[in-house]
């Protein structure tokens, strides 16, 4: 693959959607591996059942509008670089993604997962404005973030290893410890990331998870957390969830 090859996988994904509808196919039904440097929008809009793996590096807009598919990027097998110290993917990764998985063994550029609304993404470092305007989904950063992280983030969860809180935009989010009900969920995400990418950082963390998880902070939107609490309380009390949420939103 060369960097003039743009939107690789998108037409195939469109054919899957035409034939099988919005539900797509079972995970990894179509699993394609590439080598080289991908052009812009690698894996854009791909649906469930389509997995694209890349050994190499990629430009901007990877997994833009991801709709259930899986996009996995890792260094070339011959590369001797230290993945968490080198940029392997460009800017605006996962823009507007609604579902699916984005696994990047390496550092991504600016505006990682901007407007993500449902995808799960794991990366070993991001540039400025990570998780900007995010409304849903899960992001795991196993490395450094740039400045203005979580600006305008109104939903979803972001887990960051060894977080520097000076780089957080605190207007809409709080930084908290991992809740007990999220511990195993996060562990499984990192386990899958390690399996798919061979990440050495993930391997190290998983080898001593009880200590490692204490190094990970959860960046949580305040209003989103409040709504989740209201929903949980309504379910416990057997009340209509929608009515309880609307009452909380309207004060």
Protein backbone atom coordinates (compact mmCIF):
# COMPACT_ATOMS: atom_id res chain seq x y z
CA UNK A 1 0.00 0.00 0.00
CA UNK A 2 1.16 3.54 -0.81
CA UNK A 3 0.04 6.88 0.55
CA UNK A 4 -1.79 7.67 -2.69
CA UNK A 5 -4.25 4.88 -1.86
CA UNK A 6 -7.07 6.75 -0.14
CA UNK A 7 -10.27 5.46 1.53
CA UNK A 8 -9.04 1.87 1.32
CA UNK A 9 -11.81 -0.48 2.43
CA UNK A 10 -14.66 2.00 2.08
CA UNK A 11 -16.12 0.64 -1.18
CA UNK A 12 -15.90 -2.92 0.14
CA UNK A 13 -17.66 -1.79 3.29
CA UNK A 14 -20.39 -0.16 1.21
CA UNK A 15 -20.99 -3.43 -0.64
CA UNK A 16 -21.29 -5.31 2.66
CA UNK A 17 -23.85 -2.78 3.87
CA UNK A 18 -25.85 -2.97 0.63
CA UNK A 19 -26.05 -6.74 0.84
CA UNK A 20 -26.43 -7.31 4.57
CA UNK A 21 -27.86 -4.04 5.84
CA UNK A 22 -26.87 -2.02 8.86
CA UNK A 23 -26.13 -5.04 11.05
CA UNK A 24 -23.27 -6.04 8.75
CA UNK A 25 -21.52 -9.38 9.31
CA UNK A 26 -20.07 -11.22 12.33
CA UNK A 27 -16.78 -9.82 13.61
CA UNK A 28 -13.73 -10.50 11.40
CA UNK A 29 -15.77 -12.22 8.65
CA UNK A 30 -13.67 -10.31 6.12
CA UNK A 31 -10.15 -9.81 7.50
CA UNK A 32 -7.56 -8.11 5.27
CA UNK A 33 -3.91 -7.35 6.07
CA UNK A 34 -1.90 -4.61 4.33
CA UNK A 35 1.73 -3.49 4.42
CA UNK A 36 3.01 0.01 3.71
CA UNK A 37 1.81 3.59 4.15
CA UNK A 38 -1.92 4.18 3.86
CA UNK A 39 -3.34 7.33 2.35
CA UNK A 40 -6.02 9.43 3.99
CA UNK A 41 -9.24 7.93 5.34
CA UNK A 42 -7.99 4.35 5.67
CA UNK A 43 -10.97 2.27 6.79
CA UNK A 44 -13.45 5.16 6.63
CA UNK A 45 -17.08 4.21 7.32
CA UNK A 46 -16.44 0.44 7.31
CA UNK A 47 -19.24 -1.70 8.83
CA UNK A 48 -19.37 -4.66 11.19
CA UNK A 49 -17.67 -7.77 9.87
CA UNK A 50 -14.86 -5.98 8.04
CA UNK A 51 -11.42 -5.84 9.68
CA UNK A 52 -8.48 -3.96 8.16
CA UNK A 53 -4.98 -4.54 9.53
CA UNK A 54 -2.01 -2.41 8.52
CA UNK A 55 1.67 -3.06 9.17
CA UNK A 56 3.25 0.33 8.52
CA UNK A 57 1.83 3.81 9.04
CA UNK A 58 -1.09 5.90 7.95
CA UNK A 59 -2.20 9.45 7.19
CA UNK A 60 -5.15 11.45 8.53
CA UNK A 61 -8.78 10.42 9.06
CA UNK A 62 -8.20 6.73 9.79
CA UNK A 63 -11.55 5.04 10.61
CA UNK A 64 -13.50 8.22 9.94
CA UNK A 65 -17.19 7.50 10.48
CA UNK A 66 -16.38 3.95 11.57
CA UNK A 67 -19.64 1.99 11.62
CA UNK A 68 -18.86 -1.27 13.38
CA UNK A 69 -15.71 -2.41 11.60
CA UNK A 70 -12.23 -2.87 13.06
CA UNK A 71 -9.09 -0.95 12.07
CA UNK A 72 -5.72 -2.07 13.45
CA UNK A 73 -2.46 -0.24 12.77
CA UNK A 74 0.95 -1.36 14.00
CA UNK A 75 4.57 -0.78 12.92
CA UNK A 76 6.07 -2.82 10.12
CA UNK A 77 7.56 -6.10 11.33
CA UNK A 78 11.07 -4.92 10.38
CA UNK A 79 10.77 -1.56 12.14
CA UNK A 80 12.98 -1.13 15.19
CA UNK A 81 11.23 1.98 16.47
CA UNK A 82 9.80 2.26 19.98
CA UNK A 83 6.11 2.47 19.22
CA UNK A 84 5.02 4.78 22.05
CA UNK A 85 7.69 7.32 21.06
CA UNK A 86 6.85 7.52 17.37
CA UNK A 87 3.90 8.90 15.43
CA UNK A 88 2.36 6.15 13.31
CA UNK A 89 -1.02 7.70 12.45
CA UNK A 90 -2.07 11.19 11.42
CA UNK A 91 -4.65 13.66 12.65
CA UNK A 92 -8.40 13.33 13.27
CA UNK A 93 -8.42 9.56 13.75
CA UNK A 94 -11.89 8.11 14.34
CA UNK A 95 -13.74 11.31 13.49
CA UNK A 96 -17.47 10.81 13.97
CA UNK A 97 -17.14 7.06 14.57
CA UNK A 98 -20.35 5.42 15.79
CA UNK A 99 -19.21 1.86 16.62
CA UNK A 100 -16.35 -0.57 16.06
CA UNK A 101 -12.72 -0.71 17.20
CA UNK A 102 -9.63 1.34 16.42
CA UNK A 103 -6.34 -0.09 17.69
CA UNK A 104 -3.13 1.85 17.04
CA UNK A 105 0.21 0.62 18.34
CA UNK A 106 1.99 3.95 18.29
CA UNK A 107 1.27 7.65 18.68
CA UNK A 108 -1.50 9.43 16.78
CA UNK A 109 -1.68 13.10 15.84
CA UNK A 110 -4.08 15.82 16.91
CA UNK A 111 -7.84 15.60 17.49
CA UNK A 112 -7.86 11.86 18.13
CA UNK A 113 -11.46 10.59 18.24
CA UNK A 114 -13.00 14.02 17.79
CA UNK A 115 -16.80 13.59 17.84
CA UNK A 116 -16.53 9.88 18.54
CA UNK A 117 -19.98 8.69 19.54
CA UNK A 118 -19.61 4.96 20.09
CA UNK A 119 -16.36 3.36 18.95
CA UNK A 120 -13.69 1.85 21.19
CA UNK A 121 -10.21 3.19 20.46
CA UNK A 122 -6.83 2.35 21.98
CA UNK A 123 -3.60 4.21 21.17
CA UNK A 124 -0.16 4.67 22.74
CA UNK A 125 -0.21 8.47 22.73
CA UNK A 126 -2.05 11.41 21.17
CA UNK A 127 -1.42 15.01 20.17
CA UNK A 128 -3.41 18.10 21.13
CA UNK A 129 -7.22 18.22 21.45
CA UNK A 130 -7.73 14.49 22.01
CA UNK A 131 -11.37 13.38 22.55
CA UNK A 132 -12.62 16.81 21.53
CA UNK A 133 -16.44 17.01 21.36
CA UNK A 134 -16.69 13.28 22.07
CA UNK A 135 -20.24 12.15 22.87
CA UNK A 136 -19.88 8.40 23.43
CA UNK A 137 -17.66 5.37 23.16
CA UNK A 138 -14.43 4.52 24.95
CA UNK A 139 -10.90 5.81 24.39
CA UNK A 140 -7.81 4.35 26.05
CA UNK A 141 -4.53 6.28 25.83
CA UNK A 142 -1.56 4.20 26.97
CA UNK A 143 0.82 7.12 26.81
CA UNK A 144 1.06 10.90 26.71
CA UNK A 145 -1.64 13.32 25.66
CA UNK A 146 -1.27 16.77 24.17
CA UNK A 147 -2.89 19.90 25.57
CA UNK A 148 -6.63 20.64 25.70
CA UNK A 149 -7.59 16.99 26.15
CA UNK A 150 -11.37 16.37 26.46
CA UNK A 151 -12.41 19.87 25.39
CA UNK A 152 -16.17 19.86 24.83
CA UNK A 153 -16.39 16.17 25.75
CA UNK A 154 -20.00 15.50 26.75
CA UNK A 155 -20.17 11.70 26.73
CA UNK A 156 -18.20 8.47 26.70
CA UNK A 157 -15.16 7.55 28.75
CA UNK A 158 -11.45 8.24 28.29
CA UNK A 159 -8.81 6.28 30.20
CA UNK A 160 -5.31 7.73 30.27
CA UNK A 161 -2.10 6.17 31.58
CA UNK A 162 0.00 8.42 33.87
CA UNK A 163 -2.21 11.40 33.10
CA UNK A 164 -0.81 14.93 33.37
CA UNK A 165 -3.90 16.77 34.59
CA UNK A 166 -2.47 20.12 33.47
CA UNK A 167 -3.23 19.03 29.91
CA UNK A 168 -6.93 18.41 30.58
CA UNK A 169 -9.59 20.95 29.65
CA UNK A 170 -11.64 20.78 32.88
CA UNK A 171 -14.70 22.70 31.70
CA UNK A 172 -16.95 19.65 31.20
CA UNK A 173 -15.07 16.69 32.72
CA UNK A 174 -13.72 15.32 35.97
CA UNK A 175 -10.70 13.08 36.51
CA UNK A 176 -11.44 10.11 38.75
CA UNK A 177 -10.13 6.65 39.61
CA UNK A 178 -11.37 3.64 37.66
CA UNK A 179 -14.75 2.56 39.11
CA UNK A 180 -14.90 -1.04 40.27
CA UNK A 181 -17.55 -1.90 37.67
CA UNK A 182 -15.26 -0.72 34.86
CA UNK A 183 -12.07 -2.47 35.98
CA UNK A 184 -12.56 -5.75 34.12
CA UNK A 185 -14.07 -4.03 31.09
CA UNK A 186 -10.96 -1.89 30.68
CA UNK A 187 -8.69 -4.88 31.25
CA UNK A 188 -10.43 -6.83 28.47
CA UNK A 189 -10.09 -3.91 26.06
CA UNK A 190 -6.35 -3.70 26.71
CA UNK A 191 -6.03 -7.50 26.41
CA UNK A 192 -7.65 -7.42 22.97
CA UNK A 193 -5.43 -4.51 21.96
CA UNK A 194 -2.34 -6.48 22.97
CA UNK A 195 -3.47 -9.56 21.04
CA UNK A 196 -4.13 -7.58 17.87
CA UNK A 197 -1.10 -5.27 17.95
CA UNK A 198 1.56 -7.01 20.04
CA UNK A 199 1.86 -3.83 22.12
CA UNK A 200 4.70 -4.05 24.63
CA UNK A 201 3.14 -1.38 26.82
CA UNK A 202 -0.11 -3.31 27.04
CA UNK A 203 1.80 -6.50 27.79
CA UNK A 204 3.67 -4.82 30.64
CA UNK A 205 0.49 -3.39 32.16
CA UNK A 206 -1.37 -6.68 31.96
CA UNK A 207 1.47 -8.59 33.59
CA UNK A 208 0.74 -6.74 36.85
CA UNK A 209 -2.76 -5.40 36.37
CA UNK A 210 -3.54 -4.83 40.05
CA UNK A 211 -0.77 -2.24 40.28
CA UNK A 212 -0.99 -0.99 36.70
CA UNK A 213 -4.65 0.00 36.90
CA UNK A 214 -3.79 2.50 39.63
CA UNK A 215 -1.73 4.42 37.06
CA UNK A 216 -4.76 4.86 34.82
CA UNK A 217 -7.18 7.76 35.29
CA UNK A 218 -10.73 8.02 34.00
CA UNK A 219 -11.71 11.27 32.32
CA UNK A 220 -15.49 11.44 32.73
CA UNK A 221 -17.96 14.09 31.52
CA UNK A 222 -19.90 15.43 34.52
CA UNK A 223 -23.35 15.55 32.95
CA UNK A 224 -22.87 12.14 31.37
CA UNK A 225 -21.95 10.66 34.75
CA UNK A 226 -25.02 12.28 36.30
CA UNK A 227 -27.31 10.78 33.66
CA UNK A 228 -25.77 7.32 34.13
CA UNK A 229 -26.37 7.58 37.88
CA UNK A 230 -30.01 8.57 37.30
CA UNK A 231 -30.49 5.65 34.90
CA UNK A 232 -28.98 3.16 37.34
CA UNK A 233 -31.14 4.45 40.19
CA UNK A 234 -34.31 4.25 38.06
CA UNK A 235 -33.52 0.66 37.09
CA UNK A 236 -32.93 -0.32 40.73
CA UNK A 237 -36.24 1.23 41.76
CA UNK A 238 -38.20 -0.13 38.81
CA UNK A 239 -39.01 3.33 37.45
CA UNK A 240 -39.23 4.35 33.77
CA UNK A 241 -35.66 5.21 32.78
CA UNK A 242 -36.57 7.73 30.08
CA UNK A 243 -38.82 9.70 32.41
CA UNK A 244 -36.17 9.77 35.12
CA UNK A 245 -33.52 11.00 32.69
CA UNK A 246 -35.76 13.75 31.31
CA UNK A 247 -36.62 14.87 34.83
CA UNK A 248 -32.92 15.07 35.70
CA UNK A 249 -32.08 16.99 32.52
CA UNK A 250 -34.89 19.48 33.05
CA UNK A 251 -34.00 20.00 36.69
